[in-house]
Amino acid sequence: MAFYRKNIGSLHQAVRVAAGIAVAVAASVYLTGAAAWLVALGGAGFALTGLVGYCPMCAMAGIGRGGVS
């Protein structure tokens, strides 16, 4: 039983995962201190939405597979 309905497609998911990982790695390489942690966590969160297939912001905006409701 799912508690959510996927609202992003497979290509969108792959792009989110790749971009999220890239941001997290770039943050750890190029930034230091709290800024590095905050940006890396943001990238990880972005990648997580790709892994799960659900984006809360897309759902609020009505973007996704279900269209505008």
N, C-alpha and C. Protein backbone atom coordinates (compact mmCIF):
# COMPACT_ATOMS: atom_id res chain seq x y z
N MET A 1 0.85 -1.18 0.00
CA MET A 1 0.00 0.00 0.00
C MET A 1 0.89 1.24 0.00
N ALA A 2 0.65 2.10 -0.92
CA ALA A 2 1.44 3.33 -1.03
C ALA A 2 0.70 4.49 -0.36
N PHE A 3 1.44 5.35 0.28
CA PHE A 3 0.86 6.51 0.93
C PHE A 3 0.88 7.73 0.01
N TYR A 4 1.44 7.58 -1.15
CA TYR A 4 1.54 8.66 -2.11
C TYR A 4 1.44 8.08 -3.50
N ARG A 5 1.17 8.94 -4.46
CA ARG A 5 1.16 8.53 -5.87
C ARG A 5 2.34 9.21 -6.55
N LYS A 6 3.12 8.44 -7.29
CA LYS A 6 4.27 9.02 -7.98
C LYS A 6 3.80 10.13 -8.90
N ASN A 7 4.50 11.26 -8.85
CA ASN A 7 4.09 12.37 -9.68
C ASN A 7 5.20 12.88 -10.60
N ILE A 8 6.30 12.13 -10.69
CA ILE A 8 7.34 12.47 -11.65
C ILE A 8 7.70 11.22 -12.44
N GLY A 9 8.02 11.41 -13.71
CA GLY A 9 8.33 10.30 -14.60
C GLY A 9 9.73 9.75 -14.39
N SER A 10 10.04 8.68 -15.09
CA SER A 10 11.31 7.99 -14.88
C SER A 10 12.50 8.83 -15.33
N LEU A 11 12.37 9.58 -16.43
CA LEU A 11 13.46 10.44 -16.86
C LEU A 11 13.69 11.57 -15.85
N HIS A 12 12.61 12.14 -15.39
CA HIS A 12 12.68 13.20 -14.37
C HIS A 12 13.33 12.65 -13.09
N GLN A 13 12.99 11.43 -12.72
CA GLN A 13 13.59 10.80 -11.55
C GLN A 13 15.10 10.65 -11.72
N ALA A 14 15.53 10.16 -12.87
CA ALA A 14 16.96 9.95 -13.12
C ALA A 14 17.72 11.27 -13.09
N VAL A 15 17.14 12.31 -13.67
CA VAL A 15 17.79 13.62 -13.66
C VAL A 15 17.89 14.15 -12.24
N ARG A 16 16.84 13.99 -11.44
CA ARG A 16 16.87 14.45 -10.05
C ARG A 16 17.93 13.72 -9.23
N VAL A 17 18.04 12.42 -9.42
CA VAL A 17 19.04 11.65 -8.66
C VAL A 17 20.44 12.10 -9.06
N ALA A 18 20.70 12.20 -10.35
CA ALA A 18 22.03 12.61 -10.82
C ALA A 18 22.37 14.02 -10.37
N ALA A 19 21.43 14.95 -10.50
CA ALA A 19 21.69 16.33 -10.09
C ALA A 19 21.88 16.44 -8.58
N GLY A 20 21.08 15.72 -7.83
CA GLY A 20 21.21 15.75 -6.37
C GLY A 20 22.55 15.23 -5.89
N ILE A 21 23.00 14.13 -6.48
CA ILE A 21 24.30 13.58 -6.12
C ILE A 21 25.41 14.54 -6.53
N ALA A 22 25.29 15.12 -7.72
CA ALA A 22 26.31 16.07 -8.19
C ALA A 22 26.40 17.28 -7.27
N VAL A 23 25.28 17.81 -6.83
CA VAL A 23 25.28 18.97 -5.92
C VAL A 23 25.89 18.59 -4.58
N ALA A 24 25.55 17.43 -4.06
CA ALA A 24 26.10 17.01 -2.77
C ALA A 24 27.62 16.82 -2.85
N VAL A 25 28.09 16.22 -3.92
CA VAL A 25 29.54 16.02 -4.09
C VAL A 25 30.24 17.36 -4.28
N ALA A 26 29.67 18.22 -5.12
CA ALA A 26 30.29 19.53 -5.35
C ALA A 26 30.34 20.35 -4.06
N ALA A 27 29.31 20.26 -3.25
CA ALA A 27 29.29 20.99 -1.98
C ALA A 27 30.39 20.50 -1.05
N SER A 28 30.59 19.19 -1.02
CA SER A 28 31.62 18.66 -0.12
C SER A 28 33.03 18.97 -0.61
N VAL A 29 33.18 19.16 -1.93
CA VAL A 29 34.51 19.45 -2.49
C VAL A 29 34.82 20.94 -2.43
N TYR A 30 33.86 21.78 -2.81
CA TYR A 30 34.14 23.20 -2.99
C TYR A 30 33.76 24.09 -1.80
N LEU A 31 32.91 23.63 -0.91
CA LEU A 31 32.48 24.45 0.21
C LEU A 31 33.03 23.89 1.52
N THR A 32 33.01 24.72 2.55
CA THR A 32 33.47 24.26 3.86
C THR A 32 32.47 24.68 4.92
N GLY A 33 32.55 24.03 6.03
CA GLY A 33 31.74 24.40 7.19
C GLY A 33 30.26 24.11 7.03
N ALA A 34 29.45 24.98 7.64
CA ALA A 34 28.00 24.78 7.66
C ALA A 34 27.40 24.90 6.26
N ALA A 35 27.95 25.75 5.43
CA ALA A 35 27.43 25.91 4.07
C ALA A 35 27.54 24.59 3.31
N ALA A 36 28.64 23.90 3.47
CA ALA A 36 28.81 22.62 2.78
C ALA A 36 27.76 21.61 3.23
N TRP A 37 27.51 21.55 4.52
CA TRP A 37 26.51 20.62 5.05
C TRP A 37 25.11 20.97 4.56
N LEU A 38 24.77 22.25 4.56
CA LEU A 38 23.43 22.65 4.14
C LEU A 38 23.19 22.37 2.66
N VAL A 39 24.16 22.70 1.83
CA VAL A 39 24.00 22.46 0.39
C VAL A 39 24.00 20.97 0.10
N ALA A 40 24.84 20.21 0.78
CA ALA A 40 24.89 18.76 0.58
C ALA A 40 23.57 18.11 1.01
N LEU A 41 22.99 18.58 2.10
CA LEU A 41 21.69 18.04 2.54
C LEU A 41 20.59 18.40 1.55
N GLY A 42 20.66 19.59 0.98
CA GLY A 42 19.69 19.96 -0.05
C GLY A 42 19.81 19.06 -1.28
N GLY A 43 21.04 18.78 -1.69
CA GLY A 43 21.26 17.88 -2.81
C GLY A 43 20.78 16.47 -2.51
N ALA A 44 21.02 16.02 -1.29
CA ALA A 44 20.55 14.68 -0.90
C ALA A 44 19.03 14.62 -0.89
N GLY A 45 18.39 15.68 -0.44
CA GLY A 45 16.93 15.73 -0.45
C GLY A 45 16.38 15.70 -1.86
N PHE A 46 17.04 16.42 -2.75
CA PHE A 46 16.64 16.43 -4.16
C PHE A 46 16.78 15.04 -4.76
N ALA A 47 17.89 14.36 -4.45
CA ALA A 47 18.10 13.00 -4.95
C ALA A 47 17.07 12.04 -4.36
N LEU A 48 16.70 12.26 -3.11
CA LEU A 48 15.71 11.39 -2.47
C LEU A 48 14.35 11.50 -3.15
N THR A 49 13.96 12.71 -3.56
CA THR A 49 12.68 12.84 -4.27
C THR A 49 12.73 12.07 -5.59
N GLY A 50 13.91 12.02 -6.21
CA GLY A 50 14.05 11.24 -7.43
C GLY A 50 13.97 9.74 -7.17
N LEU A 51 14.57 9.30 -6.10
CA LEU A 51 14.53 7.87 -5.77
C LEU A 51 13.11 7.41 -5.45
N VAL A 52 12.38 8.24 -4.73
CA VAL A 52 11.03 7.88 -4.31
C VAL A 52 10.03 8.07 -5.45
N GLY A 53 10.27 9.08 -6.29
CA GLY A 53 9.36 9.34 -7.40
C GLY A 53 8.24 10.30 -7.05
N TYR A 54 8.37 10.97 -5.93
CA TYR A 54 7.33 11.91 -5.49
C TYR A 54 7.98 13.22 -5.08
N CYS A 55 7.47 14.31 -5.62
CA CYS A 55 7.96 15.64 -5.28
C CYS A 55 6.82 16.43 -4.66
N PRO A 56 6.92 16.77 -3.38
CA PRO A 56 5.84 17.52 -2.73
C PRO A 56 5.57 18.88 -3.38
N MET A 57 6.61 19.56 -3.83
CA MET A 57 6.42 20.86 -4.46
C MET A 57 5.69 20.72 -5.80
N CYS A 58 6.01 19.69 -6.55
CA CYS A 58 5.30 19.45 -7.81
C CYS A 58 3.83 19.12 -7.53
N ALA A 59 3.59 18.39 -6.47
CA ALA A 59 2.21 18.04 -6.11
C ALA A 59 1.41 19.29 -5.73
N MET A 60 2.02 20.20 -4.97
CA MET A 60 1.33 21.43 -4.59
C MET A 60 1.06 22.32 -5.79
N ALA A 61 1.99 22.33 -6.76
CA ALA A 61 1.82 23.15 -7.94
C ALA A 61 0.93 22.50 -8.99
N GLY A 62 0.59 21.23 -8.79
CA GLY A 62 -0.25 20.53 -9.76
C GLY A 62 0.51 20.03 -10.96
N ILE A 63 1.83 19.93 -10.84
CA ILE A 63 2.67 19.46 -11.92
C ILE A 63 2.88 17.97 -11.75
N GLY A 64 2.82 17.22 -12.81
CA GLY A 64 3.11 15.80 -12.71
C GLY A 64 2.19 14.96 -13.55
N ARG A 65 2.17 13.70 -13.25
CA ARG A 65 1.42 12.73 -14.05
C ARG A 65 -0.07 12.96 -13.99
N GLY A 66 -0.57 13.40 -12.85
CA GLY A 66 -2.01 13.58 -12.72
C GLY A 66 -2.54 14.85 -13.35
N GLY A 67 -1.65 15.77 -13.68
CA GLY A 67 -2.08 17.04 -14.25
C GLY A 67 -2.66 17.95 -13.19
N VAL A 68 -3.20 19.05 -13.63
CA VAL A 68 -3.78 20.03 -12.71
C VAL A 68 -5.16 19.53 -12.32
N SER A 69 -5.40 19.47 -11.02
CA SER A 69 -6.72 18.96 -10.59
C SER A 69 -7.59 20.06 -10.05
